[in-house]
Amino acid sequence: MNQIAVTVGNNLRRLRAEKQLSQKEIADFIHIDNSVYSRIESGEIMASEDKLIRLAAFYKVDMNKIYEGAFAQNPNNYDSVIVHSQIMNNNITNNCPTEFTDLIKDLQ
């Protein structure tokens, strides 16, 4: 298994547990099958960038929180994640669809 995918999956599992949501609820929200989301949380596969962006916005965290600890073995890659996160967070803030913001409000 890819260690980055495992760490990201663990982070997603922790964020979901903090909100007391099921894997199915999150899978439905990002429009994937529950079994696929389960594989993401277990680290078997890596979520696509657009799914990670939606999840970061949903949990109201930046991408650094999603990737937290993923680059401990290779810190040289961490700088690119920070830059990527800043770009993605600006895109989330500026381009968040209304249906998405409405759903977030409903879940709070």
PDB file of N, CA and C in Angstrom:
ATOM      1  N   MET A   1       0.830  -1.185   0.000  1.00  0.00           N
ATOM      2  CA  MET A   1       0.000   0.000   0.000  1.00  0.00           C
ATOM      3  C   MET A   1       0.878   1.254   0.000  1.00  0.00           C
ATOM      4  N   ASN A   2       0.368   2.282  -0.615  1.00  0.00           N
ATOM      5  CA  ASN A   2       1.036   3.571  -0.669  1.00  0.00           C
ATOM      6  C   ASN A   2       0.889   4.254   0.695  1.00  0.00           C
ATOM      7  N   GLN A   3       2.015   4.631   1.323  1.00  0.00           N
ATOM      8  CA  GLN A   3       1.968   5.219   2.663  1.00  0.00           C
ATOM      9  C   GLN A   3       1.225   6.549   2.683  1.00  0.00           C
ATOM     10  N   ILE A   4       1.311   7.314   1.613  1.00  0.00           N
ATOM     11  CA  ILE A   4       0.577   8.586   1.556  1.00  0.00           C
ATOM     12  C   ILE A   4      -0.926   8.307   1.570  1.00  0.00           C
ATOM     13  N   ALA A   5      -1.369   7.348   0.773  1.00  0.00           N
ATOM     14  CA  ALA A   5      -2.792   6.996   0.734  1.00  0.00           C
ATOM     15  C   ALA A   5      -3.266   6.502   2.097  1.00  0.00           C
ATOM     16  N   VAL A   6      -2.443   5.731   2.798  1.00  0.00           N
ATOM     17  CA  VAL A   6      -2.803   5.225   4.126  1.00  0.00           C
ATOM     18  C   VAL A   6      -2.968   6.386   5.105  1.00  0.00           C
ATOM     19  N   THR A   7      -2.020   7.311   5.090  1.00  0.00           N
ATOM     20  CA  THR A   7      -2.084   8.446   6.010  1.00  0.00           C
ATOM     21  C   THR A   7      -3.274   9.341   5.701  1.00  0.00           C
ATOM     22  N   VAL A   8      -3.495   9.630   4.426  1.00  0.00           N
ATOM     23  CA  VAL A   8      -4.647  10.442   4.032  1.00  0.00           C
ATOM     24  C   VAL A   8      -5.941   9.732   4.442  1.00  0.00           C
ATOM     25  N   GLY A   9      -6.013   8.441   4.215  1.00  0.00           N
ATOM     26  CA  GLY A   9      -7.192   7.675   4.613  1.00  0.00           C
ATOM     27  C   GLY A   9      -7.442   7.735   6.113  1.00  0.00           C
ATOM     28  N   ASN A  10      -6.386   7.610   6.904  1.00  0.00           N
ATOM     29  CA  ASN A  10      -6.521   7.718   8.362  1.00  0.00           C
ATOM     30  C   ASN A  10      -7.017   9.103   8.764  1.00  0.00           C
ATOM     31  N   ASN A  11      -6.497  10.133   8.102  1.00  0.00           N
ATOM     32  CA  ASN A  11      -6.933  11.498   8.403  1.00  0.00           C
ATOM     33  C   ASN A  11      -8.412  11.683   8.059  1.00  0.00           C
ATOM     34  N   LEU A  12      -8.822  11.144   6.922  1.00  0.00           N
ATOM     35  CA  LEU A  12     -10.229  11.246   6.529  1.00  0.00           C
ATOM     36  C   LEU A  12     -11.126  10.490   7.503  1.00  0.00           C
ATOM     37  N   ARG A  13     -10.681   9.335   7.948  1.00  0.00           N
ATOM     38  CA  ARG A  13     -11.450   8.545   8.918  1.00  0.00           C
ATOM     39  C   ARG A  13     -11.620   9.331  10.224  1.00  0.00           C
ATOM     40  N   ARG A  14     -10.536   9.963  10.678  1.00  0.00           N
ATOM     41  CA  ARG A  14     -10.589  10.741  11.916  1.00  0.00           C
ATOM     42  C   ARG A  14     -11.545  11.931  11.780  1.00  0.00           C
ATOM     43  N   LEU A  15     -11.455  12.645  10.657  1.00  0.00           N
ATOM     44  CA  LEU A  15     -12.337  13.793  10.432  1.00  0.00           C
ATOM     45  C   LEU A  15     -13.800  13.360  10.391  1.00  0.00           C
ATOM     46  N   ARG A  16     -14.069  12.226   9.738  1.00  0.00           N
ATOM     47  CA  ARG A  16     -15.439  11.716   9.656  1.00  0.00           C
ATOM     48  C   ARG A  16     -15.952  11.328  11.042  1.00  0.00           C
ATOM     49  N   ALA A  17     -15.109  10.676  11.823  1.00  0.00           N
ATOM     50  CA  ALA A  17     -15.506  10.245  13.169  1.00  0.00           C
ATOM     51  C   ALA A  17     -15.812  11.453  14.059  1.00  0.00           C
ATOM     52  N   GLU A  18     -15.036  12.520  13.895  1.00  0.00           N
ATOM     53  CA  GLU A  18     -15.280  13.740  14.677  1.00  0.00           C
ATOM     54  C   GLU A  18     -16.662  14.319  14.396  1.00  0.00           C
ATOM     55  N   LYS A  19     -17.152  14.155  13.178  1.00  0.00           N
ATOM     56  CA  LYS A  19     -18.487  14.647  12.790  1.00  0.00           C
ATOM     57  C   LYS A  19     -19.578  13.605  13.034  1.00  0.00           C
ATOM     58  N   GLN A  20     -19.168  12.414  13.487  1.00  0.00           N
ATOM     59  CA  GLN A  20     -20.076  11.307  13.761  1.00  0.00           C
ATOM     60  C   GLN A  20     -20.943  10.965  12.534  1.00  0.00           C
ATOM     61  N   LEU A  21     -20.266  10.842  11.398  1.00  0.00           N
ATOM     62  CA  LEU A  21     -20.935  10.499  10.147  1.00  0.00           C
ATOM     63  C   LEU A  21     -20.508   9.106   9.702  1.00  0.00           C
ATOM     64  N   SER A  22     -21.337   8.482   8.915  1.00  0.00           N
ATOM     65  CA  SER A  22     -21.009   7.159   8.384  1.00  0.00           C
ATOM     66  C   SER A  22     -20.220   7.301   7.083  1.00  0.00           C
ATOM     67  N   GLN A  23     -19.548   6.229   6.713  1.00  0.00           N
ATOM     68  CA  GLN A  23     -18.857   6.214   5.425  1.00  0.00           C
ATOM     69  C   GLN A  23     -19.851   6.411   4.292  1.00  0.00           C
ATOM     70  N   LYS A  24     -21.023   5.838   4.419  1.00  0.00           N
ATOM     71  CA  LYS A  24     -22.041   5.972   3.374  1.00  0.00           C
ATOM     72  C   LYS A  24     -22.461   7.430   3.187  1.00  0.00           C
ATOM     73  N   GLU A  25     -22.633   8.150   4.276  1.00  0.00           N
ATOM     74  CA  GLU A  25     -23.016   9.560   4.172  1.00  0.00           C
ATOM     75  C   GLU A  25     -21.955  10.365   3.416  1.00  0.00           C
ATOM     76  N   ILE A  26     -20.691  10.097   3.721  1.00  0.00           N
ATOM     77  CA  ILE A  26     -19.611  10.813   3.038  1.00  0.00           C
ATOM     78  C   ILE A  26     -19.524  10.365   1.584  1.00  0.00           C
ATOM     79  N   ALA A  27     -19.627   9.077   1.344  1.00  0.00           N
ATOM     80  CA  ALA A  27     -19.578   8.561  -0.028  1.00  0.00           C
ATOM     81  C   ALA A  27     -20.692   9.171  -0.874  1.00  0.00           C
ATOM     82  N   ASP A  28     -21.886   9.243  -0.323  1.00  0.00           N
ATOM     83  CA  ASP A  28     -22.997   9.852  -1.052  1.00  0.00           C
ATOM     84  C   ASP A  28     -22.715  11.318  -1.346  1.00  0.00           C
ATOM     85  N   PHE A  29     -22.141  12.007  -0.389  1.00  0.00           N
ATOM     86  CA  PHE A  29     -21.856  13.427  -0.542  1.00  0.00           C
ATOM     87  C   PHE A  29     -20.865  13.695  -1.681  1.00  0.00           C
ATOM     88  N   ILE A  30     -19.855  12.828  -1.809  1.00  0.00           N
ATOM     89  CA  ILE A  30     -18.860  13.046  -2.872  1.00  0.00           C
ATOM     90  C   ILE A  30     -19.146  12.200  -4.115  1.00  0.00           C
ATOM     91  N   HIS A  31     -20.339  11.594  -4.133  1.00  0.00           N
ATOM     92  CA  HIS A  31     -20.837  10.884  -5.320  1.00  0.00           C
ATOM     93  C   HIS A  31     -19.964   9.706  -5.742  1.00  0.00           C
ATOM     94  N   ILE A  32     -19.636   8.859  -4.753  1.00  0.00           N
ATOM     95  CA  ILE A  32     -18.951   7.606  -5.065  1.00  0.00           C
ATOM     96  C   ILE A  32     -19.631   6.488  -4.294  1.00  0.00           C
ATOM     97  N   ASP A  33     -19.366   5.261  -4.696  1.00  0.00           N
ATOM     98  CA  ASP A  33     -19.909   4.096  -4.015  1.00  0.00           C
ATOM     99  C   ASP A  33     -19.283   3.971  -2.632  1.00  0.00           C
ATOM    100  N   ASN A  34     -20.065   3.499  -1.671  1.00  0.00           N
ATOM    101  CA  ASN A  34     -19.585   3.323  -0.308  1.00  0.00           C
ATOM    102  C   ASN A  34     -18.355   2.417  -0.243  1.00  0.00           C
ATOM    103  N   SER A  35     -18.326   1.365  -1.060  1.00  0.00           N
ATOM    104  CA  SER A  35     -17.178   0.446  -1.034  1.00  0.00           C
ATOM    105  C   SER A  35     -15.900   1.147  -1.500  1.00  0.00           C
ATOM    106  N   VAL A  36     -16.035   2.081  -2.431  1.00  0.00           N
ATOM    107  CA  VAL A  36     -14.861   2.843  -2.896  1.00  0.00           C
ATOM    108  C   VAL A  36     -14.381   3.760  -1.778  1.00  0.00           C
ATOM    109  N   TYR A  37     -15.326   4.413  -1.092  1.00  0.00           N
ATOM    110  CA  TYR A  37     -14.914   5.302   0.002  1.00  0.00           C
ATOM    111  C   TYR A  37     -14.245   4.505   1.124  1.00  0.00           C
ATOM    112  N   SER A  38     -14.745   3.324   1.388  1.00  0.00           N
ATOM    113  CA  SER A  38     -14.125   2.470   2.396  1.00  0.00           C
ATOM    114  C   SER A  38     -12.673   2.169   2.036  1.00  0.00           C
ATOM    115  N   ARG A  39     -12.426   1.908   0.759  1.00  0.00           N
ATOM    116  CA  ARG A  39     -11.058   1.635   0.297  1.00  0.00           C
ATOM    117  C   ARG A  39     -10.171   2.868   0.407  1.00  0.00           C
ATOM    118  N   ILE A  40     -10.753   4.051   0.245  1.00  0.00           N
ATOM    119  CA  ILE A  40      -9.989   5.291   0.414  1.00  0.00           C
ATOM    120  C   ILE A  40      -9.562   5.430   1.867  1.00  0.00           C
ATOM    121  N   GLU A  41     -10.513   5.254   2.789  1.00  0.00           N
ATOM    122  CA  GLU A  41     -10.174   5.382   4.213  1.00  0.00           C
ATOM    123  C   GLU A  41      -9.179   4.327   4.673  1.00  0.00           C
ATOM    124  N   SER A  42      -9.221   3.159   4.079  1.00  0.00           N
ATOM    125  CA  SER A  42      -8.279   2.101   4.485  1.00  0.00           C
ATOM    126  C   SER A  42      -6.908   2.282   3.836  1.00  0.00           C
ATOM    127  N   GLY A  43      -6.807   3.209   2.889  1.00  0.00           N
ATOM    128  CA  GLY A  43      -5.525   3.456   2.236  1.00  0.00           C
ATOM    129  C   GLY A  43      -5.239   2.555   1.059  1.00  0.00           C
ATOM    130  N   GLU A  44      -6.208   1.753   0.668  1.00  0.00           N
ATOM    131  CA  GLU A  44      -6.018   0.870  -0.489  1.00  0.00           C
ATOM    132  C   GLU A  44      -5.897   1.676  -1.782  1.00  0.00           C
ATOM    133  N   ILE A  45      -6.662   2.751  -1.860  1.00  0.00           N
ATOM    134  CA  ILE A  45      -6.609   3.633  -3.036  1.00  0.00           C
ATOM    135  C   ILE A  45      -6.580   5.078  -2.559  1.00  0.00           C
ATOM    136  N   MET A  46      -6.125   5.959  -3.428  1.00  0.00           N
ATOM    137  CA  MET A  46      -6.062   7.380  -3.112  1.00  0.00           C
ATOM    138  C   MET A  46      -7.258   8.070  -3.754  1.00  0.00           C
ATOM    139  N   ALA A  47      -7.897   8.928  -3.014  1.00  0.00           N
ATOM    140  CA  ALA A  47      -9.013   9.710  -3.560  1.00  0.00           C
ATOM    141  C   ALA A  47      -8.490  10.676  -4.609  1.00  0.00           C
ATOM    142  N   SER A  48      -9.330  10.967  -5.581  1.00  0.00           N
ATOM    143  CA  SER A  48      -8.948  11.948  -6.602  1.00  0.00           C
ATOM    144  C   SER A  48      -8.863  13.334  -5.962  1.00  0.00           C
ATOM    145  N   GLU A  49      -8.138  14.195  -6.619  1.00  0.00           N
ATOM    146  CA  GLU A  49      -7.936  15.545  -6.092  1.00  0.00           C
ATOM    147  C   GLU A  49      -9.263  16.271  -5.890  1.00  0.00           C
ATOM    148  N   ASP A  50     -10.188  16.142  -6.834  1.00  0.00           N
ATOM    149  CA  ASP A  50     -11.466  16.847  -6.689  1.00  0.00           C
ATOM    150  C   ASP A  50     -12.253  16.325  -5.494  1.00  0.00           C
ATOM    151  N   LYS A  51     -12.146  15.041  -5.198  1.00  0.00           N
ATOM    152  CA  LYS A  51     -12.833  14.491  -4.025  1.00  0.00           C
ATOM    153  C   LYS A  51     -12.192  15.007  -2.735  1.00  0.00           C
ATOM    154  N   LEU A  52     -10.861  15.075  -2.707  1.00  0.00           N
ATOM    155  CA  LEU A  52     -10.181  15.589  -1.526  1.00  0.00           C
ATOM    156  C   LEU A  52     -10.513  17.060  -1.297  1.00  0.00           C
ATOM    157  N   ILE A  53     -10.639  17.821  -2.361  1.00  0.00           N
ATOM    158  CA  ILE A  53     -11.007  19.235  -2.248  1.00  0.00           C
ATOM    159  C   ILE A  53     -12.409  19.365  -1.655  1.00  0.00           C
ATOM    160  N   ARG A  54     -13.345  18.567  -2.156  1.00  0.00           N
ATOM    161  CA  ARG A  54     -14.719  18.601  -1.627  1.00  0.00           C
ATOM    162  C   ARG A  54     -14.739  18.206  -0.150  1.00  0.00           C
ATOM    163  N   LEU A  55     -13.951  17.196   0.203  1.00  0.00           N
ATOM    164  CA  LEU A  55     -13.909  16.763   1.601  1.00  0.00           C
ATOM    165  C   LEU A  55     -13.289  17.833   2.500  1.00  0.00           C
ATOM    166  N   ALA A  56     -12.238  18.466   2.038  1.00  0.00           N
ATOM    167  CA  ALA A  56     -11.614  19.534   2.826  1.00  0.00           C
ATOM    168  C   ALA A  56     -12.608  20.666   3.067  1.00  0.00           C
ATOM    169  N   ALA A  57     -13.341  21.035   2.040  1.00  0.00           N
ATOM    170  CA  ALA A  57     -14.343  22.097   2.188  1.00  0.00           C
ATOM    171  C   ALA A  57     -15.460  21.648   3.129  1.00  0.00           C
ATOM    172  N   PHE A  58     -15.890  20.416   2.981  1.00  0.00           N
ATOM    173  CA  PHE A  58     -16.945  19.879   3.836  1.00  0.00           C
ATOM    174  C   PHE A  58     -16.543  19.919   5.305  1.00  0.00           C
ATOM    175  N   TYR A  59     -15.314  19.474   5.591  1.00  0.00           N
ATOM    176  CA  TYR A  59     -14.828  19.434   6.970  1.00  0.00           C
ATOM    177  C   TYR A  59     -14.301  20.780   7.453  1.00  0.00           C
ATOM    178  N   LYS A  60     -14.278  21.761   6.554  1.00  0.00           N
ATOM    179  CA  LYS A  60     -13.773  23.105   6.867  1.00  0.00           C
ATOM    180  C   LYS A  60     -12.334  23.063   7.374  1.00  0.00           C
ATOM    181  N   VAL A  61     -11.519  22.317   6.634  1.00  0.00           N
ATOM    182  CA  VAL A  61     -10.092  22.241   6.928  1.00  0.00           C
ATOM    183  C   VAL A  61      -9.331  22.532   5.638  1.00  0.00           C
ATOM    184  N   ASP A  62      -8.085  22.923   5.770  1.00  0.00           N
ATOM    185  CA  ASP A  62      -7.297  23.093   4.549  1.00  0.00           C
ATOM    186  C   ASP A  62      -6.672  21.755   4.161  1.00  0.00           C
ATOM    187  N   MET A  63      -6.117  21.724   2.989  1.00  0.00           N
ATOM    188  CA  MET A  63      -5.565  20.470   2.476  1.00  0.00           C
ATOM    189  C   MET A  63      -4.402  19.964   3.328  1.00  0.00           C
ATOM    190  N   ASN A  64      -3.750  20.842   4.066  1.00  0.00           N
ATOM    191  CA  ASN A  64      -2.677  20.393   4.955  1.00  0.00           C
ATOM    192  C   ASN A  64      -3.215  19.412   5.991  1.00  0.00           C
ATOM    193  N   LYS A  65      -4.430  19.620   6.446  1.00  0.00           N
ATOM    194  CA  LYS A  65      -5.039  18.720   7.430  1.00  0.00           C
ATOM    195  C   LYS A  65      -5.324  17.350   6.806  1.00  0.00           C
ATOM    196  N   ILE A  66      -5.723  17.356   5.546  1.00  0.00           N
ATOM    197  CA  ILE A  66      -5.979  16.096   4.843  1.00  0.00           C
ATOM    198  C   ILE A  66      -4.680  15.306   4.671  1.00  0.00           C
ATOM    199  N   TYR A  67      -3.602  16.010   4.341  1.00  0.00           N
ATOM    200  CA  TYR A  67      -2.305  15.367   4.090  1.00  0.00           C
ATOM    201  C   TYR A  67      -1.419  15.283   5.328  1.00  0.00           C
ATOM    202  N   GLU A  68      -1.895  15.725   6.473  1.00  0.00           N
ATOM    203  CA  GLU A  68      -1.080  15.805   7.681  1.00  0.00           C
ATOM    204  C   GLU A  68      -0.357  14.492   7.980  1.00  0.00           C
ATOM    205  N   GLY A  69       0.952  14.554   8.079  1.00  0.00           N
ATOM    206  CA  GLY A  69       1.756  13.384   8.384  1.00  0.00           C
ATOM    207  C   GLY A  69       2.100  12.514   7.186  1.00  0.00           C
ATOM    208  N   ALA A  70       1.547  12.823   6.032  1.00  0.00           N
ATOM    209  CA  ALA A  70       1.748  11.972   4.855  1.00  0.00           C
ATOM    210  C   ALA A  70       3.161  12.054   4.298  1.00  0.00           C
ATOM    211  N   PHE A  71       3.855  13.126   4.608  1.00  0.00           N
ATOM    212  CA  PHE A  71       5.177  13.307   4.019  1.00  0.00           C
ATOM    213  C   PHE A  71       6.294  13.260   5.063  1.00  0.00           C
ATOM    214  N   ALA A  72       6.006  12.631   6.199  1.00  0.00           N
ATOM    215  CA  ALA A  72       7.005  12.542   7.260  1.00  0.00           C
ATOM    216  C   ALA A  72       8.257  11.802   6.807  1.00  0.00           C
ATOM    217  N   GLN A  73       8.099  10.801   5.949  1.00  0.00           N
ATOM    218  CA  GLN A  73       9.245  10.030   5.475  1.00  0.00           C
ATOM    219  C   GLN A  73      10.041  10.771   4.403  1.00  0.00           C
ATOM    220  N   ASN A  74       9.392  11.693   3.712  1.00  0.00           N
ATOM    221  CA  ASN A  74      10.048  12.444   2.639  1.00  0.00           C
ATOM    222  C   ASN A  74       9.623  13.906   2.715  1.00  0.00           C
ATOM    223  N   PRO A  75      10.210  14.653   3.659  1.00  0.00           N
ATOM    224  CA  PRO A  75       9.780  16.037   3.879  1.00  0.00           C
ATOM    225  C   PRO A  75      10.017  16.956   2.683  1.00  0.00           C
ATOM    226  N   ASN A  76      10.821  16.559   1.721  1.00  0.00           N
ATOM    227  CA  ASN A  76      11.042  17.400   0.542  1.00  0.00           C
ATOM    228  C   ASN A  76       9.759  17.597  -0.258  1.00  0.00           C
ATOM    229  N   ASN A  77       8.846  16.662  -0.186  1.00  0.00           N
ATOM    230  CA  ASN A  77       7.578  16.770  -0.905  1.00  0.00           C
ATOM    231  C   ASN A  77       6.573  17.652  -0.189  1.00  0.00           C
ATOM    232  N   TYR A  78       6.824  17.967   1.075  1.00  0.00           N
ATOM    233  CA  TYR A  78       5.835  18.689   1.872  1.00  0.00           C
ATOM    234  C   TYR A  78       5.607  20.109   1.363  1.00  0.00           C
ATOM    235  N   ASP A  79       6.639  20.787   0.914  1.00  0.00           N
ATOM    236  CA  ASP A  79       6.479  22.151   0.427  1.00  0.00           C
ATOM    237  C   ASP A  79       5.499  22.213  -0.732  1.00  0.00           C
ATOM    238  N   SER A  80       5.544  21.242  -1.616  1.00  0.00           N
ATOM    239  CA  SER A  80       4.625  21.262  -2.746  1.00  0.00           C
ATOM    240  C   SER A  80       3.188  21.055  -2.285  1.00  0.00           C
ATOM    241  N   VAL A  81       2.990  20.302  -1.205  1.00  0.00           N
ATOM    242  CA  VAL A  81       1.645  20.115  -0.667  1.00  0.00           C
ATOM    243  C   VAL A  81       1.116  21.420  -0.083  1.00  0.00           C
ATOM    244  N   ILE A  82       1.981  22.174   0.597  1.00  0.00           N
ATOM    245  CA  ILE A  82       1.558  23.454   1.169  1.00  0.00           C
ATOM    246  C   ILE A  82       1.127  24.411   0.069  1.00  0.00           C
ATOM    247  N   VAL A  83       1.922  24.524  -0.972  1.00  0.00           N
ATOM    248  CA  VAL A  83       1.571  25.405  -2.087  1.00  0.00           C
ATOM    249  C   VAL A  83       0.273  24.930  -2.727  1.00  0.00           C
ATOM    250  N   HIS A  84       0.177  23.632  -2.970  1.00  0.00           N
ATOM    251  CA  HIS A  84      -1.027  23.055  -3.556  1.00  0.00           C
ATOM    252  C   HIS A  84      -2.245  23.362  -2.678  1.00  0.00           C
ATOM    253  N   SER A  85      -2.078  23.236  -1.369  1.00  0.00           N
ATOM    254  CA  SER A  85      -3.177  23.485  -0.449  1.00  0.00           C
ATOM    255  C   SER A  85      -3.638  24.927  -0.512  1.00  0.00           C
ATOM    256  N   GLN A  86      -2.708  25.845  -0.590  1.00  0.00           N
ATOM    257  CA  GLN A  86      -3.075  27.257  -0.662  1.00  0.00           C
ATOM    258  C   GLN A  86      -3.862  27.544  -1.935  1.00  0.00           C
ATOM    259  N   ILE A  87      -3.433  26.976  -3.025  1.00  0.00           N
ATOM    260  CA  ILE A  87      -4.147  27.166  -4.297  1.00  0.00           C
ATOM    261  C   ILE A  87      -5.534  26.556  -4.208  1.00  0.00           C
ATOM    262  N   MET A  88      -5.623  25.330  -3.694  1.00  0.00           N
ATOM    263  CA  MET A  88      -6.905  24.648  -3.610  1.00  0.00           C
ATOM    264  C   MET A  88      -7.854  25.355  -2.657  1.00  0.00           C
ATOM    265  N   ASN A  89      -7.339  25.853  -1.522  1.00  0.00           N
ATOM    266  CA  ASN A  89      -8.203  26.550  -0.575  1.00  0.00           C
ATOM    267  C   ASN A  89      -8.782  27.808  -1.182  1.00  0.00           C
ATOM    268  N   ASN A  90      -8.014  28.519  -1.979  1.00  0.00           N
ATOM    269  CA  ASN A  90      -8.539  29.690  -2.667  1.00  0.00           C
ATOM    270  C   ASN A  90      -9.623  29.279  -3.650  1.00  0.00           C
ATOM    271  N   ASN A  91      -9.412  28.175  -4.354  1.00  0.00           N
ATOM    272  CA  ASN A  91     -10.428  27.690  -5.294  1.00  0.00           C
ATOM    273  C   ASN A  91     -11.696  27.268  -4.573  1.00  0.00           C
ATOM    274  N   ILE A  92     -11.549  26.641  -3.418  1.00  0.00           N
ATOM    275  CA  ILE A  92     -12.718  26.218  -2.651  1.00  0.00           C
ATOM    276  C   ILE A  92     -13.521  27.451  -2.236  1.00  0.00           C
ATOM    277  N   THR A  93     -12.842  28.439  -1.692  1.00  0.00           N
ATOM    278  CA  THR A  93     -13.515  29.635  -1.209  1.00  0.00           C
ATOM    279  C   THR A  93     -14.205  30.384  -2.332  1.00  0.00           C
ATOM    280  N   ASN A  94     -13.551  30.468  -3.468  1.00  0.00           N
ATOM    281  CA  ASN A  94     -14.063  31.282  -4.565  1.00  0.00           C
ATOM    282  C   ASN A  94     -15.043  30.550  -5.467  1.00  0.00           C
ATOM    283  N   ASN A  95     -15.010  29.228  -5.477  1.00  0.00           N
ATOM    284  CA  ASN A  95     -15.792  28.482  -6.460  1.00  0.00           C
ATOM    285  C   ASN A  95     -16.705  27.424  -5.859  1.00  0.00           C
ATOM    286  N   CYS A  96     -17.073  27.580  -4.629  1.00  0.00           N
ATOM    287  CA  CYS A  96     -17.890  26.577  -3.958  1.00  0.00           C
ATOM    288  C   CYS A  96     -19.327  26.639  -4.481  1.00  0.00           C
ATOM    289  N   PRO A  97     -19.849  25.531  -5.037  1.00  0.00           N
ATOM    290  CA  PRO A  97     -21.214  25.539  -5.562  1.00  0.00           C
ATOM    291  C   PRO A  97     -22.244  25.743  -4.450  1.00  0.00           C
ATOM    292  N   THR A  98     -23.352  26.354  -4.796  1.00  0.00           N
ATOM    293  CA  THR A  98     -24.410  26.647  -3.829  1.00  0.00           C
ATOM    294  C   THR A  98     -24.930  25.383  -3.165  1.00  0.00           C
ATOM    295  N   GLU A  99     -25.129  24.317  -3.951  1.00  0.00           N
ATOM    296  CA  GLU A  99     -25.629  23.066  -3.373  1.00  0.00           C
ATOM    297  C   GLU A  99     -24.700  22.541  -2.297  1.00  0.00           C
ATOM    298  N   PHE A 100     -23.411  22.765  -2.488  1.00  0.00           N
ATOM    299  CA  PHE A 100     -22.399  22.308  -1.546  1.00  0.00           C
ATOM    300  C   PHE A 100     -22.470  23.114  -0.251  1.00  0.00           C
ATOM    301  N   THR A 101     -22.528  24.439  -0.356  1.00  0.00           N
ATOM    302  CA  THR A 101     -22.594  25.278   0.841  1.00  0.00           C
ATOM    303  C   THR A 101     -23.895  25.047   1.585  1.00  0.00           C
ATOM    304  N   ASP A 102     -24.993  24.809   0.854  1.00  0.00           N
ATOM    305  CA  ASP A 102     -26.284  24.528   1.501  1.00  0.00           C
ATOM    306  C   ASP A 102     -26.216  23.224   2.291  1.00  0.00           C
ATOM    307  N   LEU A 103     -25.586  22.191   1.718  1.00  0.00           N
ATOM    308  CA  LEU A 103     -25.470  20.910   2.407  1.00  0.00           C
ATOM    309  C   LEU A 103     -24.617  21.049   3.657  1.00  0.00           C
ATOM    310  N   ILE A 104     -23.541  21.806   3.578  1.00  0.00           N
ATOM    311  CA  ILE A 104     -22.681  22.018   4.753  1.00  0.00           C
ATOM    312  C   ILE A 104     -23.480  22.682   5.866  1.00  0.00           C
ATOM    313  N   LYS A 105     -24.267  23.701   5.507  1.00  0.00           N
ATOM    314  CA  LYS A 105     -25.093  24.394   6.515  1.00  0.00           C
ATOM    315  C   LYS A 105     -26.075  23.417   7.163  1.00  0.00           C
ATOM    316  N   ASP A 106     -26.682  22.536   6.358  1.00  0.00           N
ATOM    317  CA  ASP A 106     -27.643  21.564   6.881  1.00  0.00           C
ATOM    318  C   ASP A 106     -27.007  20.588   7.860  1.00  0.00           C
ATOM    319  N   LEU A 107     -25.741  20.246   7.631  1.00  0.00           N
ATOM    320  CA  LEU A 107     -25.067  19.256   8.474  1.00  0.00           C
ATOM    321  C   LEU A 107     -24.460  19.839   9.744  1.00  0.00           C
ATOM    322  N   GLN A 108     -24.437  21.149   9.845  1.00  0.00           N
ATOM    323  CA  GLN A 108     -23.817  21.764  11.024  1.00  0.00           C
ATOM    324  C   GLN A 108     -24.750  21.772  12.207  1.00  0.00           C
TER     325      GLN A 108
END
